[in-house]
N, C-alpha and C. Protein backbone atom coordinates (compact mmCIF):
# COMPACT_ATOMS: atom_id res chain seq x y z
N MET A 1 -28.08 139.75 68.42
CA MET A 1 -26.35 139.39 68.37
C MET A 1 -25.83 140.39 68.11
N THR A 2 -24.71 140.36 69.14
CA THR A 2 -23.49 141.42 69.32
C THR A 2 -22.59 142.07 68.18
N VAL A 3 -22.90 143.59 67.41
CA VAL A 3 -22.37 143.10 66.79
C VAL A 3 -21.42 144.32 67.54
N PRO A 4 -19.91 144.68 66.04
CA PRO A 4 -18.76 145.79 67.33
C PRO A 4 -19.32 147.53 67.55
N GLU A 5 -19.14 147.75 69.02
CA GLU A 5 -18.87 148.57 68.54
C GLU A 5 -19.31 150.08 67.45
N THR A 6 -18.35 150.05 66.87
CA THR A 6 -17.45 151.00 65.38
C THR A 6 -19.28 150.92 64.84
N TYR A 7 -19.86 150.21 64.68
CA TYR A 7 -21.97 149.89 64.24
C TYR A 7 -22.59 151.01 64.33
N GLY A 8 -22.10 151.45 65.74
CA GLY A 8 -23.07 152.20 66.29
C GLY A 8 -24.05 151.48 66.82
N LEU A 9 -24.82 150.32 67.40
CA LEU A 9 -25.54 149.57 67.65
C LEU A 9 -25.23 149.18 68.95
N GLY A 10 -26.01 148.28 69.51
CA GLY A 10 -25.53 147.68 70.64
C GLY A 10 -26.03 146.47 70.24
N PRO A 11 -26.24 145.55 71.17
CA PRO A 11 -27.05 143.66 70.71
C PRO A 11 -28.25 143.48 69.60
N ILE A 12 -28.26 143.34 68.05
CA ILE A 12 -29.64 143.45 67.25
C ILE A 12 -30.50 142.23 67.93
N GLU A 13 -32.31 142.78 67.81
CA GLU A 13 -32.31 141.37 68.26
C GLU A 13 -33.31 141.72 67.58
N VAL A 14 -33.39 140.31 66.88
CA VAL A 14 -34.94 140.00 65.45
C VAL A 14 -36.50 139.69 66.46
N THR A 15 -36.66 140.46 66.19
CA THR A 15 -38.08 140.84 66.72
C THR A 15 -39.50 139.64 66.00
N ALA A 16 -39.17 139.62 64.93
CA ALA A 16 -40.20 138.71 63.64
C ALA A 16 -40.02 138.28 62.49
N ILE A 17 -39.73 137.27 62.18
CA ILE A 17 -39.95 136.80 60.49
C ILE A 17 -40.81 136.24 60.37
N THR A 18 -41.53 136.92 59.05
CA THR A 18 -42.21 136.61 58.14
C THR A 18 -42.22 135.63 57.07
N GLY A 19 -42.53 135.93 56.57
CA GLY A 19 -42.61 135.08 55.09
C GLY A 19 -41.56 135.39 53.97
N GLY A 20 -41.99 137.28 54.24
CA GLY A 20 -40.87 137.73 52.63
C GLY A 20 -39.93 138.88 53.64
N ALA A 21 -39.90 138.71 55.32
CA ALA A 21 -38.37 140.02 55.81
C ALA A 21 -38.48 139.03 57.29
N VAL A 22 -37.59 139.71 57.47
CA VAL A 22 -36.79 139.59 58.91
C VAL A 22 -36.84 141.76 59.47
N GLU A 23 -37.27 141.10 60.83
CA GLU A 23 -37.87 142.43 61.47
C GLU A 23 -36.81 142.60 62.83
N MET A 24 -35.80 143.30 62.68
CA MET A 24 -35.23 143.44 63.90
C MET A 24 -35.03 144.54 64.77
N ILE A 25 -34.96 144.80 65.63
CA ILE A 25 -34.21 146.24 66.90
C ILE A 25 -33.15 145.97 66.99
N ALA A 26 -32.01 147.50 67.54
CA ALA A 26 -31.52 147.30 67.44
C ALA A 26 -31.57 148.88 69.01
N PRO A 27 -30.61 149.17 70.48
CA PRO A 27 -30.12 149.90 70.55
C PRO A 27 -29.46 150.82 69.78
N LEU A 28 -29.08 152.59 70.33
CA LEU A 28 -28.40 153.14 69.20
C LEU A 28 -27.24 153.21 70.10
N THR A 29 -26.08 153.12 70.33
CA THR A 29 -25.03 153.65 70.75
C THR A 29 -24.36 155.00 70.42
N GLY A 30 -24.14 155.64 69.99
CA GLY A 30 -24.02 156.58 69.21
C GLY A 30 -25.16 158.35 68.89
N PRO A 31 -25.19 159.22 68.69
CA PRO A 31 -25.85 160.07 68.49
C PRO A 31 -27.55 160.16 67.24
N GLY A 32 -27.25 159.31 66.43
CA GLY A 32 -28.07 159.38 65.77
C GLY A 32 -27.78 157.85 64.55
N TYR A 33 -28.24 157.41 63.42
CA TYR A 33 -28.81 156.47 62.61
C TYR A 33 -28.78 156.41 61.10
N SER A 34 -27.89 156.00 60.28
CA SER A 34 -28.68 156.05 59.00
C SER A 34 -29.45 154.27 58.61
N VAL A 35 -30.14 154.45 57.33
CA VAL A 35 -30.16 152.59 56.87
C VAL A 35 -30.27 153.50 55.72
N ALA A 36 -29.50 152.43 54.22
CA ALA A 36 -29.64 152.89 52.72
C ALA A 36 -30.16 151.01 52.66
N GLY A 37 -30.92 150.78 51.65
CA GLY A 37 -31.15 149.73 51.48
C GLY A 37 -32.13 148.79 52.50
N CYS A 38 -32.80 149.02 53.05
CA CYS A 38 -34.02 148.73 53.69
C CYS A 38 -34.84 149.53 53.88
N SER A 39 -35.85 149.45 54.62
CA SER A 39 -36.82 150.59 55.14
C SER A 39 -36.77 150.58 56.73
N GLY A 40 -36.26 151.55 57.37
CA GLY A 40 -35.64 151.47 58.56
C GLY A 40 -36.85 152.72 59.24
N GLY A 41 -36.86 152.32 60.56
CA GLY A 41 -37.19 153.57 60.92
C GLY A 41 -36.43 153.61 62.52
N GLY A 42 -37.83 154.29 63.89
CA GLY A 42 -36.96 154.31 64.84
C GLY A 42 -36.95 155.88 64.84
N GLY A 43 -36.17 156.27 65.94
CA GLY A 43 -35.60 157.35 67.27
C GLY A 43 -34.75 157.25 68.19
N VAL A 44 -34.45 158.77 67.87
CA VAL A 44 -33.36 158.39 68.58
C VAL A 44 -34.06 159.13 70.67
N SER A 45 -34.55 158.92 71.67
CA SER A 45 -34.74 159.06 72.98
C SER A 45 -34.06 159.76 73.78
N SER A 46 -33.62 160.76 75.14
CA SER A 46 -33.35 160.19 75.73
C SER A 46 -32.65 159.58 76.53
N ALA A 47 -33.89 158.24 76.91
CA ALA A 47 -33.34 156.93 77.34
C ALA A 47 -32.00 156.38 76.46
N GLY A 48 -31.73 157.03 75.39
CA GLY A 48 -31.02 156.19 74.32
C GLY A 48 -31.60 155.46 72.87
N GLY A 49 -33.22 155.47 73.03
CA GLY A 49 -33.06 155.63 71.36
C GLY A 49 -33.25 153.91 71.23
N GLY A 50 -33.57 153.84 69.46
CA GLY A 50 -33.14 152.60 69.37
C GLY A 50 -33.50 152.96 67.49
N VAL A 51 -33.52 151.85 67.17
CA VAL A 51 -33.23 151.72 65.83
C VAL A 51 -34.28 150.29 64.95
N GLU A 52 -35.09 150.00 64.24
CA GLU A 52 -36.08 149.37 63.73
C GLU A 52 -35.68 149.11 62.43
N LEU A 53 -35.87 147.43 62.36
CA LEU A 53 -35.55 147.60 61.02
C LEU A 53 -36.50 146.30 59.97
N SER A 54 -36.35 146.07 58.63
CA SER A 54 -37.10 146.03 58.12
C SER A 54 -37.05 145.20 56.97
N CYS A 55 -36.20 144.24 56.62
CA CYS A 55 -35.50 143.51 55.49
C CYS A 55 -35.92 142.54 54.99
N ASP A 56 -36.30 142.89 53.54
CA ASP A 56 -37.13 141.80 52.25
C ASP A 56 -36.04 140.35 52.75
N GLU A 57 -36.13 139.76 52.02
CA GLU A 57 -35.36 138.06 52.02
C GLU A 57 -34.58 139.03 50.00
N GLY A 58 -33.38 138.63 50.26
CA GLY A 58 -32.44 139.20 49.11
C GLY A 58 -32.13 140.56 49.20
N THR A 59 -32.15 141.11 50.47
CA THR A 59 -32.01 142.82 51.29
C THR A 59 -30.70 143.08 51.74
N GLU A 60 -30.16 143.76 50.21
CA GLU A 60 -28.60 144.37 51.46
C GLU A 60 -29.21 145.55 51.76
N ALA A 61 -28.16 145.28 53.22
CA ALA A 61 -28.86 147.56 53.93
C ALA A 61 -27.29 148.02 54.15
N THR A 62 -26.64 149.32 54.19
CA THR A 62 -26.05 149.91 55.15
C THR A 62 -26.05 150.67 56.24
N VAL A 63 -25.48 149.98 57.51
CA VAL A 63 -26.30 150.92 58.97
C VAL A 63 -24.84 151.72 58.75
N ASN A 64 -25.92 152.76 59.46
CA ASN A 64 -24.26 154.03 60.02
C ASN A 64 -23.05 154.15 59.13
N ASP A 65 -23.43 153.85 57.49
CA ASP A 65 -22.25 153.71 56.65
C ASP A 65 -21.20 152.96 57.04
N ALA A 66 -21.34 151.66 58.47
CA ALA A 66 -20.61 150.97 58.31
C ALA A 66 -20.45 149.38 58.63
N MET A 67 -21.69 149.28 58.93
CA MET A 67 -22.17 147.98 58.75
C MET A 67 -23.29 147.60 57.44
N SER A 68 -22.88 146.59 57.06
CA SER A 68 -23.15 145.57 56.07
C SER A 68 -24.51 144.37 56.65
N LEU A 69 -26.06 144.76 56.65
CA LEU A 69 -27.19 143.67 56.61
C LEU A 69 -27.32 142.96 55.42
N GLU A 70 -27.74 141.29 54.90
CA GLU A 70 -27.67 141.41 54.46
C GLU A 70 -29.20 140.01 54.77
N VAL A 71 -30.08 139.49 54.05
CA VAL A 71 -30.72 139.18 54.71
C VAL A 71 -30.47 137.63 53.63
N VAL A 72 -29.91 137.08 53.65
CA VAL A 72 -29.42 135.82 52.79
C VAL A 72 -30.38 135.44 52.19
N GLU A 73 -31.36 134.15 53.63
CA GLU A 73 -32.47 133.64 53.25
C GLU A 73 -33.52 133.57 54.55
N ILE A 74 -35.00 133.20 53.85
CA ILE A 74 -35.95 132.73 55.20
C ILE A 74 -36.12 131.49 55.05
N LEU A 75 -36.33 130.49 56.16
CA LEU A 75 -36.88 129.43 55.87
C LEU A 75 -38.59 129.30 57.19
N ASN A 76 -38.77 130.04 56.95
CA ASN A 76 -39.85 129.66 57.43
C ASN A 76 -40.36 130.59 58.93
N THR A 77 -39.54 129.90 60.30
CA THR A 77 -39.18 130.91 60.90
C THR A 77 -38.30 131.39 61.89
N ALA A 78 -37.49 130.75 60.57
CA ALA A 78 -35.67 131.09 60.99
C ALA A 78 -34.80 131.89 59.55
N ALA A 79 -33.94 132.35 59.80
CA ALA A 79 -33.30 133.19 58.77
C ALA A 79 -32.12 133.13 58.78
N VAL A 80 -31.27 133.36 57.33
CA VAL A 80 -29.81 133.91 57.50
C VAL A 80 -29.56 134.73 57.03
N LEU A 81 -28.53 135.24 58.20
CA LEU A 81 -27.80 137.29 58.23
C LEU A 81 -26.89 137.33 57.93
N ARG A 82 -26.26 137.74 56.86
CA ARG A 82 -24.96 138.00 56.92
C ARG A 82 -24.39 139.39 57.06
N ILE A 83 -23.57 139.53 58.14
CA ILE A 83 -23.30 140.72 59.30
C ILE A 83 -21.72 141.67 58.82
N GLU A 84 -21.58 142.32 58.16
CA GLU A 84 -19.84 142.47 58.51
C GLU A 84 -19.26 143.55 58.51
N PRO A 85 -19.24 144.53 57.70
CA PRO A 85 -18.45 146.13 57.51
C PRO A 85 -18.83 146.34 56.30
N ALA A 86 -18.92 147.59 56.08
CA ALA A 86 -19.86 148.17 55.56
C ALA A 86 -18.34 148.27 54.05
N GLY A 87 -18.39 147.98 52.77
CA GLY A 87 -17.52 148.54 51.81
C GLY A 87 -16.92 147.05 51.66
N ARG A 88 -17.44 146.71 52.46
CA ARG A 88 -16.62 144.53 52.05
C ARG A 88 -16.33 143.64 51.08
N GLU A 89 -16.11 143.85 50.41
CA GLU A 89 -16.08 142.56 48.39
C GLU A 89 -15.94 140.78 49.43
N THR A 90 -17.04 141.09 49.50
CA THR A 90 -17.04 139.37 49.46
C THR A 90 -17.31 138.72 48.04
N GLU A 91 -16.90 137.22 47.94
CA GLU A 91 -16.65 136.50 46.62
C GLU A 91 -18.18 135.90 46.77
N ARG A 92 -18.56 136.73 45.47
CA ARG A 92 -20.38 135.23 45.58
C ARG A 92 -19.58 133.90 45.11
N PRO A 93 -20.35 133.42 44.94
CA PRO A 93 -20.53 132.69 43.60
C PRO A 93 -21.05 132.66 43.21
N CYS A 94 -20.86 131.81 41.71
CA CYS A 94 -22.02 132.81 39.80
C CYS A 94 -22.96 131.94 39.88
């Protein structure tokens, strides 16, 4: 998935979907990254580096204080992700 440059990431690639988590990787387009809300790892190398994320179903994460990522649902080998600008209020059904 291609995301806006302002998020500080290149295209996000889903590398695995397990029964309870979605694993993703994305190249960094800025000098670093921050992740709050799901387990994150990765690093920056002289070749551009990248970030790896593993997020459980129902998890909401904030990446680089710019992007909100939510794993809405995991269905066998497919997942529904919601990506939007961080801090954006969305209506959710009760």
